[in-house]
N, C-alpha and C. Protein backbone atom coordinates (compact mmCIF):
# COMPACT_ATOMS: atom_id res chain seq x y z
N UNK A 1 -109.51 38.82 -57.52
CA UNK A 1 -107.80 38.97 -57.65
C UNK A 1 -107.68 37.32 -56.94
N UNK A 2 -106.59 36.79 -57.47
CA UNK A 2 -106.02 34.99 -57.20
C UNK A 2 -105.39 35.38 -55.89
N UNK A 3 -106.25 34.43 -55.11
CA UNK A 3 -105.58 34.69 -53.12
C UNK A 3 -104.28 34.11 -53.65
N UNK A 4 -103.86 32.65 -54.49
CA UNK A 4 -102.66 32.20 -54.41
C UNK A 4 -101.58 33.07 -54.69
N UNK A 5 -101.48 34.39 -55.42
CA UNK A 5 -100.77 34.84 -55.87
C UNK A 5 -100.17 36.21 -54.43
N UNK A 6 -101.48 36.36 -54.36
CA UNK A 6 -101.24 37.11 -53.07
C UNK A 6 -100.63 36.28 -51.61
N UNK A 7 -100.79 35.20 -51.50
CA UNK A 7 -100.06 34.23 -50.52
C UNK A 7 -98.34 34.54 -51.22
N UNK A 8 -98.23 34.06 -52.28
CA UNK A 8 -97.23 33.99 -53.02
C UNK A 8 -96.20 35.22 -52.37
N UNK A 9 -96.72 36.25 -52.27
CA UNK A 9 -96.21 37.64 -52.25
C UNK A 9 -96.17 38.04 -50.70
N UNK A 10 -96.85 37.05 -49.96
CA UNK A 10 -96.75 37.35 -48.40
C UNK A 10 -95.56 36.52 -48.38
N UNK A 11 -95.68 35.19 -48.63
CA UNK A 11 -94.58 34.13 -48.04
C UNK A 11 -93.26 34.82 -48.46
N UNK A 12 -93.09 35.55 -49.93
CA UNK A 12 -91.76 36.25 -49.82
C UNK A 12 -91.60 37.48 -49.25
N UNK A 13 -92.60 38.12 -48.70
CA UNK A 13 -92.14 39.26 -47.98
C UNK A 13 -91.80 38.46 -46.35
N UNK A 14 -92.42 37.71 -46.00
CA UNK A 14 -92.29 36.67 -44.61
C UNK A 14 -90.80 36.52 -44.78
N UNK A 15 -90.19 35.88 -46.05
CA UNK A 15 -89.07 35.10 -46.41
C UNK A 15 -87.88 36.54 -46.03
N UNK A 16 -87.98 37.10 -46.88
CA UNK A 16 -87.37 38.58 -46.64
C UNK A 16 -86.73 39.11 -45.36
N UNK A 17 -88.08 39.11 -44.62
CA UNK A 17 -88.22 39.71 -43.29
C UNK A 17 -86.93 38.35 -42.43
N UNK A 18 -87.31 36.81 -42.60
CA UNK A 18 -86.30 36.24 -42.23
C UNK A 18 -84.66 36.44 -42.30
N UNK A 19 -84.86 36.80 -43.49
CA UNK A 19 -83.38 36.82 -44.05
C UNK A 19 -82.83 38.60 -43.49
N UNK A 20 -83.47 39.21 -43.30
CA UNK A 20 -83.05 40.31 -42.37
C UNK A 20 -82.60 40.17 -40.91
N UNK A 21 -83.69 39.47 -40.24
CA UNK A 21 -84.24 39.76 -39.01
C UNK A 21 -83.22 38.59 -38.08
N UNK A 22 -83.60 37.20 -39.18
CA UNK A 22 -83.20 36.05 -37.94
C UNK A 22 -81.62 35.55 -38.81
N UNK A 23 -81.62 35.12 -40.21
CA UNK A 23 -80.56 34.48 -40.79
C UNK A 23 -79.30 35.64 -41.01
N UNK A 24 -78.26 35.25 -40.60
CA UNK A 24 -77.03 35.80 -41.00
C UNK A 24 -76.55 35.30 -42.60
N UNK A 25 -76.20 36.52 -43.02
CA UNK A 25 -75.36 36.59 -44.24
C UNK A 25 -76.58 37.00 -45.58
N UNK A 26 -76.29 36.09 -46.51
CA UNK A 26 -77.60 36.77 -47.71
C UNK A 26 -77.76 35.66 -48.42
N UNK A 27 -79.06 35.24 -48.94
CA UNK A 27 -79.42 34.41 -49.52
C UNK A 27 -79.82 33.61 -49.62
N UNK A 28 -79.99 32.91 -48.66
CA UNK A 28 -80.91 31.40 -47.99
C UNK A 28 -82.33 31.80 -47.86
N UNK A 29 -82.80 32.96 -47.58
CA UNK A 29 -84.20 32.87 -47.70
C UNK A 29 -84.35 34.41 -48.46
N UNK A 30 -83.75 35.21 -48.34
CA UNK A 30 -83.92 36.76 -49.29
C UNK A 30 -83.67 36.07 -50.74
N UNK A 31 -83.04 35.25 -51.41
CA UNK A 31 -83.39 35.26 -53.08
C UNK A 31 -84.50 34.23 -53.07
N UNK A 32 -84.84 33.22 -52.28
CA UNK A 32 -86.30 32.75 -52.56
C UNK A 32 -87.48 33.93 -52.54
N UNK A 33 -87.30 34.68 -51.35
CA UNK A 33 -88.49 35.84 -51.19
C UNK A 33 -88.26 36.38 -52.10
N UNK A 34 -87.14 37.34 -52.35
CA UNK A 34 -87.49 37.92 -54.06
C UNK A 34 -88.12 37.36 -55.18
N UNK A 35 -87.89 35.75 -55.82
CA UNK A 35 -88.48 34.94 -56.36
C UNK A 35 -89.68 34.59 -56.04
N UNK A 36 -90.35 34.62 -54.63
CA UNK A 36 -91.66 34.58 -54.87
C UNK A 36 -92.59 35.76 -54.86
N UNK A 37 -92.17 36.98 -54.66
CA UNK A 37 -92.79 38.07 -54.91
C UNK A 37 -92.89 38.56 -56.40
N UNK A 38 -91.68 38.24 -57.00
CA UNK A 38 -92.13 38.40 -58.42
C UNK A 38 -92.75 37.30 -59.15
N UNK A 39 -93.00 36.15 -58.55
CA UNK A 39 -93.82 35.06 -58.98
C UNK A 39 -95.14 35.73 -59.03
N UNK A 40 -94.93 35.75 -57.76
CA UNK A 40 -96.77 36.17 -57.13
C UNK A 40 -97.19 37.24 -58.17
N UNK A 41 -96.36 38.40 -58.27
CA UNK A 41 -96.72 39.67 -59.42
C UNK A 41 -97.00 39.42 -60.61
N UNK A 42 -96.42 38.21 -61.36
CA UNK A 42 -96.46 37.76 -62.13
C UNK A 42 -97.81 37.09 -62.77
N UNK A 43 -98.03 36.35 -61.79
CA UNK A 43 -99.23 35.11 -61.64
C UNK A 43 -100.29 36.25 -61.87
N UNK A 44 -100.21 37.17 -60.68
CA UNK A 44 -101.60 38.28 -61.00
C UNK A 44 -102.06 38.95 -62.22
N UNK A 45 -100.83 39.72 -63.26
CA UNK A 45 -100.89 39.94 -64.42
C UNK A 45 -101.41 38.72 -65.25
N UNK A 46 -101.07 37.52 -65.28
CA UNK A 46 -101.48 36.65 -66.01
C UNK A 46 -102.94 35.87 -65.75
N UNK A 47 -103.25 35.80 -64.57
CA UNK A 47 -104.08 34.98 -64.18
C UNK A 47 -105.29 36.54 -64.52
N UNK A 48 -105.18 37.31 -64.39
CA UNK A 48 -106.52 38.56 -64.34
C UNK A 48 -106.42 39.30 -65.50
N UNK A 49 -104.99 38.90 -66.47
CA UNK A 49 -105.09 39.83 -67.65
C UNK A 49 -105.08 41.31 -67.41
N UNK A 50 -104.47 41.66 -66.69
CA UNK A 50 -104.88 43.26 -65.98
C UNK A 50 -103.14 43.26 -65.68
N UNK A 51 -102.69 44.02 -66.65
CA UNK A 51 -101.61 44.45 -66.37
C UNK A 51 -101.58 45.74 -65.09
N UNK A 52 -102.07 46.75 -65.24
CA UNK A 52 -102.53 47.78 -64.29
C UNK A 52 -102.43 47.15 -62.96
N UNK A 53 -103.16 46.47 -63.05
CA UNK A 53 -103.36 45.63 -61.34
C UNK A 53 -102.37 44.51 -61.34
N UNK A 54 -101.64 44.07 -62.07
CA UNK A 54 -100.12 43.32 -61.68
C UNK A 54 -99.23 44.34 -61.44
N UNK A 55 -99.25 45.71 -62.02
CA UNK A 55 -98.12 46.47 -61.71
C UNK A 55 -98.54 47.60 -60.47
N UNK A 56 -99.83 47.46 -60.43
CA UNK A 56 -99.62 48.11 -59.12
C UNK A 56 -99.61 47.17 -57.83
N UNK A 57 -100.08 45.63 -57.73
CA UNK A 57 -99.35 45.00 -56.73
C UNK A 57 -98.08 45.15 -56.69
N UNK A 58 -97.44 44.91 -57.55
CA UNK A 58 -95.81 44.80 -57.73
C UNK A 58 -94.95 46.02 -56.70
N UNK A 59 -95.66 47.50 -57.69
CA UNK A 59 -95.46 48.63 -56.78
C UNK A 59 -95.73 48.59 -55.51
N UNK A 60 -96.72 48.12 -55.25
CA UNK A 60 -97.05 48.43 -53.64
C UNK A 60 -95.96 47.34 -52.43
N UNK A 61 -95.96 46.13 -53.56
CA UNK A 61 -94.95 45.68 -52.62
C UNK A 61 -93.71 46.37 -52.72
N UNK A 62 -92.94 46.75 -53.37
CA UNK A 62 -91.97 47.46 -53.01
C UNK A 62 -91.94 48.56 -52.38
N UNK A 63 -92.95 49.12 -52.32
CA UNK A 63 -93.75 50.76 -51.34
C UNK A 63 -93.50 50.01 -49.86
N UNK A 64 -93.81 48.84 -49.46
CA UNK A 64 -93.80 48.45 -48.49
C UNK A 64 -92.39 47.41 -48.53
N UNK A 65 -91.70 47.04 -49.26
CA UNK A 65 -90.01 46.77 -49.01
C UNK A 65 -89.39 47.66 -48.21
N UNK A 66 -89.05 48.84 -49.42
CA UNK A 66 -88.56 49.88 -48.61
C UNK A 66 -88.65 50.42 -47.44
N UNK A 67 -89.86 50.65 -47.09
CA UNK A 67 -89.75 51.15 -45.52
C UNK A 67 -89.41 50.52 -44.19
N UNK A 68 -89.37 49.15 -44.93
CA UNK A 68 -89.26 47.76 -44.15
C UNK A 68 -87.62 47.77 -43.72
N UNK A 69 -87.02 47.53 -45.03
CA UNK A 69 -85.69 47.73 -45.12
C UNK A 69 -84.84 49.04 -44.54
N UNK A 70 -85.55 50.17 -44.64
CA UNK A 70 -84.92 51.53 -43.84
C UNK A 70 -85.45 50.92 -42.39
N UNK A 71 -86.12 50.19 -41.70
CA UNK A 71 -86.62 49.99 -40.51
C UNK A 71 -85.69 49.01 -39.83
N UNK A 72 -85.23 48.10 -40.82
CA UNK A 72 -84.20 46.58 -40.33
C UNK A 72 -83.04 47.27 -40.42
N UNK A 73 -82.78 48.32 -41.20
CA UNK A 73 -81.05 48.60 -40.77
C UNK A 73 -80.96 49.69 -39.56
N UNK A 74 -81.97 50.11 -39.35
CA UNK A 74 -81.97 51.18 -38.24
C UNK A 74 -82.44 50.33 -37.01
N UNK A 75 -83.36 49.12 -37.12
CA UNK A 75 -83.57 48.69 -35.73
C UNK A 75 -82.86 47.42 -35.66
N UNK A 76 -82.35 46.71 -36.15
CA UNK A 76 -81.18 45.21 -36.33
C UNK A 76 -80.35 46.03 -35.10
N UNK A 77 -79.23 46.42 -35.77
CA UNK A 77 -78.15 46.98 -34.74
C UNK A 77 -78.60 47.15 -32.98
N UNK A 78 -79.60 47.72 -32.66
CA UNK A 78 -80.14 47.93 -31.46
C UNK A 78 -80.65 46.62 -30.94
N UNK A 79 -81.15 45.23 -31.23
CA UNK A 79 -81.57 44.03 -30.91
C UNK A 79 -80.50 43.59 -30.32
N UNK A 80 -81.08 42.62 -29.15
CA UNK A 80 -80.32 41.70 -28.38
C UNK A 80 -79.59 40.66 -30.05
N UNK A 81 -80.34 40.36 -30.86
CA UNK A 81 -79.50 39.59 -31.76
C UNK A 81 -78.78 39.80 -32.77
N UNK A 82 -79.37 41.24 -33.14
CA UNK A 82 -78.68 42.36 -33.89
C UNK A 82 -77.22 42.69 -33.15
N UNK A 83 -77.08 42.63 -31.82
CA UNK A 83 -75.74 42.97 -31.32
C UNK A 83 -74.86 42.13 -31.12
N UNK A 84 -75.36 40.69 -31.01
CA UNK A 84 -74.27 39.54 -31.41
C UNK A 84 -73.77 39.06 -32.82
N UNK A 85 -74.55 40.17 -33.63
CA UNK A 85 -74.08 39.79 -35.36
C UNK A 85 -73.07 40.89 -35.51
N UNK A 86 -72.91 42.53 -34.94
CA UNK A 86 -72.24 43.10 -35.35
C UNK A 86 -71.03 43.06 -34.08
N UNK A 87 -69.59 43.24 -35.05
CA UNK A 87 -68.50 43.40 -34.15
C UNK A 87 -68.33 44.64 -33.15
N UNK A 88 -68.13 45.03 -32.16
CA UNK A 88 -68.09 45.84 -31.31
C UNK A 88 -66.56 46.29 -30.52
N UNK A 89 -65.58 45.41 -31.01
CA UNK A 89 -64.63 45.76 -30.31
C UNK A 89 -63.49 46.38 -31.38
N UNK A 90 -62.59 46.70 -30.60
CA UNK A 90 -61.35 47.19 -31.37
C UNK A 90 -60.08 46.52 -31.19
N UNK A 91 -59.47 46.42 -32.40
CA UNK A 91 -58.07 46.01 -32.05
C UNK A 91 -56.94 47.23 -31.72
N UNK A 92 -56.90 47.17 -30.21
CA UNK A 92 -55.74 47.96 -29.80
C UNK A 92 -54.45 47.20 -29.45
N UNK A 93 -53.65 48.33 -29.38
CA UNK A 93 -52.19 47.83 -28.98
C UNK A 93 -51.79 47.16 -27.82
N UNK A 94 -52.59 47.16 -26.83
CA UNK A 94 -52.72 46.35 -25.58
C UNK A 94 -53.04 44.80 -25.12
N UNK A 95 -53.83 44.58 -26.68
CA UNK A 95 -54.29 43.21 -26.81
C UNK A 95 -53.60 42.65 -27.85
N UNK A 96 -52.33 43.64 -28.42
CA UNK A 96 -51.33 42.43 -29.17
C UNK A 96 -51.54 42.87 -30.09
N UNK A 97 -52.33 43.48 -30.89
CA UNK A 97 -52.30 43.86 -32.45
C UNK A 97 -51.38 45.56 -32.17
N UNK A 98 -50.92 45.05 -33.88
CA UNK A 98 -50.13 46.03 -34.34
C UNK A 98 -50.02 46.87 -35.35
N UNK A 99 -50.30 48.37 -35.89
CA UNK A 99 -50.14 48.42 -37.03
C UNK A 99 -48.66 48.58 -38.07
N UNK A 100 -49.55 47.94 -39.17
CA UNK A 100 -48.15 47.81 -40.11
C UNK A 100 -47.18 49.13 -40.13
N UNK A 101 -45.25 48.88 -39.70
CA UNK A 101 -44.46 50.02 -39.64
C UNK A 101 -43.96 50.34 -40.78
N UNK A 102 -43.96 51.79 -40.54
CA UNK A 102 -43.73 52.35 -42.04
C UNK A 102 -42.07 52.35 -42.18
N UNK A 103 -41.19 51.79 -41.17
CA UNK A 103 -39.60 51.26 -40.63
C UNK A 103 -39.87 49.90 -42.02
N UNK A 104 -40.33 49.58 -41.31
CA UNK A 104 -40.07 48.31 -41.84
C UNK A 104 -40.14 48.20 -43.64
N UNK A 105 -41.13 49.08 -44.39
CA UNK A 105 -41.16 49.42 -45.41
C UNK A 105 -39.71 50.02 -45.84
N UNK A 106 -39.71 50.57 -45.08
CA UNK A 106 -37.77 51.17 -45.94
C UNK A 106 -36.82 50.17 -46.22
N UNK A 107 -36.92 49.22 -45.55
CA UNK A 107 -36.26 47.82 -45.63
C UNK A 107 -36.15 47.30 -47.24
N UNK A 108 -37.05 47.39 -47.79
CA UNK A 108 -37.16 46.56 -49.00
C UNK A 108 -35.92 47.05 -49.78
N UNK A 109 -35.31 45.91 -50.62
CA UNK A 109 -34.13 46.41 -51.54
C UNK A 109 -32.82 46.12 -50.63
N UNK A 110 -33.13 46.64 -48.92
CA UNK A 110 -31.79 46.34 -48.10
C UNK A 110 -31.24 44.85 -47.78
N UNK A 111 -29.90 44.83 -47.36
CA UNK A 111 -29.79 43.84 -47.45
C UNK A 111 -29.21 43.45 -45.99
N UNK A 112 -28.95 42.34 -45.55
CA UNK A 112 -28.52 42.09 -44.19
C UNK A 112 -27.82 40.54 -43.50
N UNK A 113 -28.00 40.18 -42.95
CA UNK A 113 -27.50 38.64 -42.49
C UNK A 113 -28.20 37.73 -41.67
N UNK A 114 -28.58 36.59 -41.81
CA UNK A 114 -29.46 35.86 -41.15
C UNK A 114 -28.91 35.64 -39.94
N UNK A 115 -29.30 36.01 -38.90
CA UNK A 115 -28.96 35.51 -37.51
C UNK A 115 -29.16 34.30 -37.02
N UNK A 116 -30.46 33.77 -37.37
CA UNK A 116 -31.00 32.50 -37.28
C UNK A 116 -31.52 31.63 -38.39
N UNK A 117 -31.14 30.39 -38.20
CA UNK A 117 -31.83 29.56 -39.69
C UNK A 117 -33.31 30.55 -40.13
N UNK A 118 -33.50 30.50 -41.32
CA UNK A 118 -34.74 30.47 -41.66
C UNK A 118 -35.27 29.11 -42.08
N UNK A 119 -36.70 28.91 -41.37
CA UNK A 119 -37.38 27.18 -41.78
C UNK A 119 -38.44 27.75 -41.97
N UNK A 120 -39.36 28.61 -42.79
CA UNK A 120 -38.89 29.32 -43.22
C UNK A 120 -38.77 30.78 -42.77
N UNK A 121 -39.34 30.86 -41.09
CA UNK A 121 -39.31 31.80 -40.51
C UNK A 121 -38.13 31.83 -39.63
N UNK A 122 -37.40 32.97 -39.02
CA UNK A 122 -36.54 33.35 -38.25
C UNK A 122 -36.12 34.57 -38.22
N UNK A 123 -34.80 35.45 -38.01
CA UNK A 123 -34.38 36.46 -37.61
C UNK A 123 -33.48 37.00 -38.32
N UNK A 124 -33.25 37.93 -38.61
CA UNK A 124 -31.91 38.69 -39.35
C UNK A 124 -32.00 40.09 -39.28
N UNK A 125 -30.07 40.27 -39.14
CA UNK A 125 -29.71 41.55 -38.85
C UNK A 125 -30.04 42.39 -40.26
N UNK A 126 -30.61 43.54 -40.04
CA UNK A 126 -30.72 44.51 -41.29
C UNK A 126 -30.34 45.88 -41.12
N UNK A 127 -29.58 46.31 -41.35
CA UNK A 127 -29.12 47.77 -41.05
C UNK A 127 -29.05 48.24 -39.74
N UNK A 128 -28.31 47.00 -39.09
CA UNK A 128 -28.19 47.01 -37.41
C UNK A 128 -29.48 46.89 -36.67
N UNK A 129 -30.39 46.41 -37.41
CA UNK A 129 -31.47 46.37 -36.50
C UNK A 129 -32.02 44.67 -36.79
N UNK A 130 -32.49 44.00 -35.40
CA UNK A 130 -33.10 42.56 -35.46
C UNK A 130 -34.40 42.79 -35.74
N UNK A 131 -34.75 41.68 -36.97
CA UNK A 131 -36.08 41.89 -38.01
C UNK A 131 -36.49 40.43 -37.69
N UNK A 132 -37.70 40.25 -37.64
CA UNK A 132 -38.47 38.81 -37.81
C UNK A 132 -38.86 38.89 -39.23
N UNK A 133 -38.29 37.45 -39.90
CA UNK A 133 -38.13 38.07 -41.30
C UNK A 133 -38.68 35.97 -41.79
N UNK A 134 -39.65 36.20 -43.10
CA UNK A 134 -39.60 34.51 -43.81
C UNK A 134 -39.24 34.70 -45.02
N UNK A 135 -38.60 33.43 -45.22
CA UNK A 135 -37.80 33.58 -46.17
C UNK A 135 -39.00 33.19 -47.92
N UNK A 136 -38.71 33.02 -48.86
CA UNK A 136 -39.85 33.11 -49.88
C UNK A 136 -40.23 31.53 -50.06
N UNK A 137 -40.05 30.67 -48.62
CA UNK A 137 -40.13 29.35 -48.97
C UNK A 137 -39.10 28.48 -48.13
N UNK A 138 -37.81 28.88 -48.91
CA UNK A 138 -36.52 28.18 -48.74
C UNK A 138 -36.03 28.19 -47.65
N UNK A 139 -35.15 27.06 -47.24
CA UNK A 139 -34.51 27.06 -45.77
C UNK A 139 -32.79 28.07 -46.43
N UNK A 140 -32.87 28.93 -45.52
CA UNK A 140 -31.87 29.93 -45.50
C UNK A 140 -31.05 29.45 -44.12
N UNK A 141 -29.48 29.20 -44.42
CA UNK A 141 -29.09 28.97 -43.31
C UNK A 141 -28.67 29.89 -42.41
N UNK A 142 -28.28 30.11 -40.97
CA UNK A 142 -27.64 31.16 -39.94
C UNK A 142 -26.16 31.63 -41.02
N UNK A 143 -26.31 32.72 -40.85
CA UNK A 143 -25.30 33.64 -41.41
C UNK A 143 -25.07 34.19 -42.60
N UNK A 144 -26.46 33.53 -43.42
CA UNK A 144 -25.99 33.85 -44.78
C UNK A 144 -26.70 35.46 -45.32
N UNK A 145 -26.15 36.01 -46.63
CA UNK A 145 -26.59 36.98 -46.58
C UNK A 145 -28.04 36.84 -46.99
N UNK A 146 -29.06 37.83 -46.98
CA UNK A 146 -30.57 38.02 -47.13
C UNK A 146 -30.73 39.13 -47.67
N UNK A 147 -31.66 39.84 -48.78
CA UNK A 147 -32.19 40.60 -49.12
C UNK A 147 -33.77 41.14 -48.86
N UNK A 148 -34.26 42.00 -48.41
CA UNK A 148 -35.93 42.28 -48.23
C UNK A 148 -35.98 42.04 -49.73
N UNK A 149 -37.45 41.49 -49.71
CA UNK A 149 -38.45 41.40 -51.32
C UNK A 149 -39.57 42.31 -51.18
N UNK A 150 -40.06 42.02 -49.86
CA UNK A 150 -41.45 42.55 -49.91
C UNK A 150 -41.81 42.96 -48.48
N UNK A 151 -42.64 43.50 -48.17
CA UNK A 151 -43.10 43.92 -46.68
C UNK A 151 -44.61 43.98 -46.98
N UNK A 152 -45.75 42.69 -46.00
CA UNK A 152 -46.77 42.74 -46.23
C UNK A 152 -47.25 42.87 -44.55
N UNK A 153 -47.62 44.24 -44.62
CA UNK A 153 -47.85 44.34 -43.33
C UNK A 153 -46.82 44.21 -42.32
N UNK A 154 -46.65 43.47 -41.18
CA UNK A 154 -45.62 43.43 -40.28
C UNK A 154 -44.73 42.16 -40.55
N UNK A 155 -45.03 41.62 -42.09
CA UNK A 155 -44.39 40.46 -42.44
C UNK A 155 -43.19 40.81 -43.07
N UNK A 156 -41.93 40.45 -42.89
CA UNK A 156 -41.18 41.14 -44.16
C UNK A 156 -40.50 39.56 -44.91
N UNK A 157 -40.29 39.77 -45.92
CA UNK A 157 -40.20 38.53 -47.10
C UNK A 157 -38.74 38.52 -47.14
N UNK A 158 -37.48 37.40 -47.13
CA UNK A 158 -36.63 37.85 -47.71
C UNK A 158 -36.13 36.23 -48.67
N UNK A 159 -34.76 37.02 -48.99
CA UNK A 159 -34.47 35.71 -50.40
C UNK A 159 -33.03 35.69 -49.63
N UNK A 160 -32.65 34.45 -50.21
CA UNK A 160 -31.10 34.25 -50.00
C UNK A 160 -30.51 34.93 -51.39
N UNK A 161 -29.19 35.68 -50.76
CA UNK A 161 -28.22 36.45 -51.72
C UNK A 161 -27.12 35.25 -51.65
N UNK A 162 -26.74 34.40 -51.03
CA UNK A 162 -25.51 33.07 -51.13
C UNK A 162 -25.94 32.57 -52.16
C-alpha cells in the first residue's frame, strides 16, 4: 500500500478535526481535508490498480469520519472553546429588546400627521397614537399628512401624502 496516499488521508482527517475543533466557520481546513482524503483514496486505487483496496480505504475513512463528526457535535459544546463559540444569551425585554408589535401592523394603510420633521426619522400621530416612524428616504415637514406603507418589526415606514 502506498505510504504517501495514507499520509494524504491522515492529513485530510487531521484537517477535518482542525476544522471541527479549532477553526470557526466552514471551509478553511475542511475543504482541503476532504480533497486530501479523496486524493489519497484515488491515489491508492491508481497506484495499486486495485479498486477493491481503494474502495475499502475510502469506506474505512468514511466509517472513521462519521463517529468523529457525531462525537464532535456532542463534545464541542461542552468544551471551554465550544462554550465561547455558542451564544447562550437571550434577548430579554429588560435589556431593551422588543418583539414586533401586532398593534403596529394594524397601522398599515392608515394616515396621520407628522408631529416632528421626518429626516427621515421622527414621530407621527396615527389614530391617536404617537408612533416613531421613518420616511421612505424623503424629508417630510412637521404637520404634513403621512400614510403608513410598511411595518418591519418595530420600524414603521411612512410616505408623504401632502
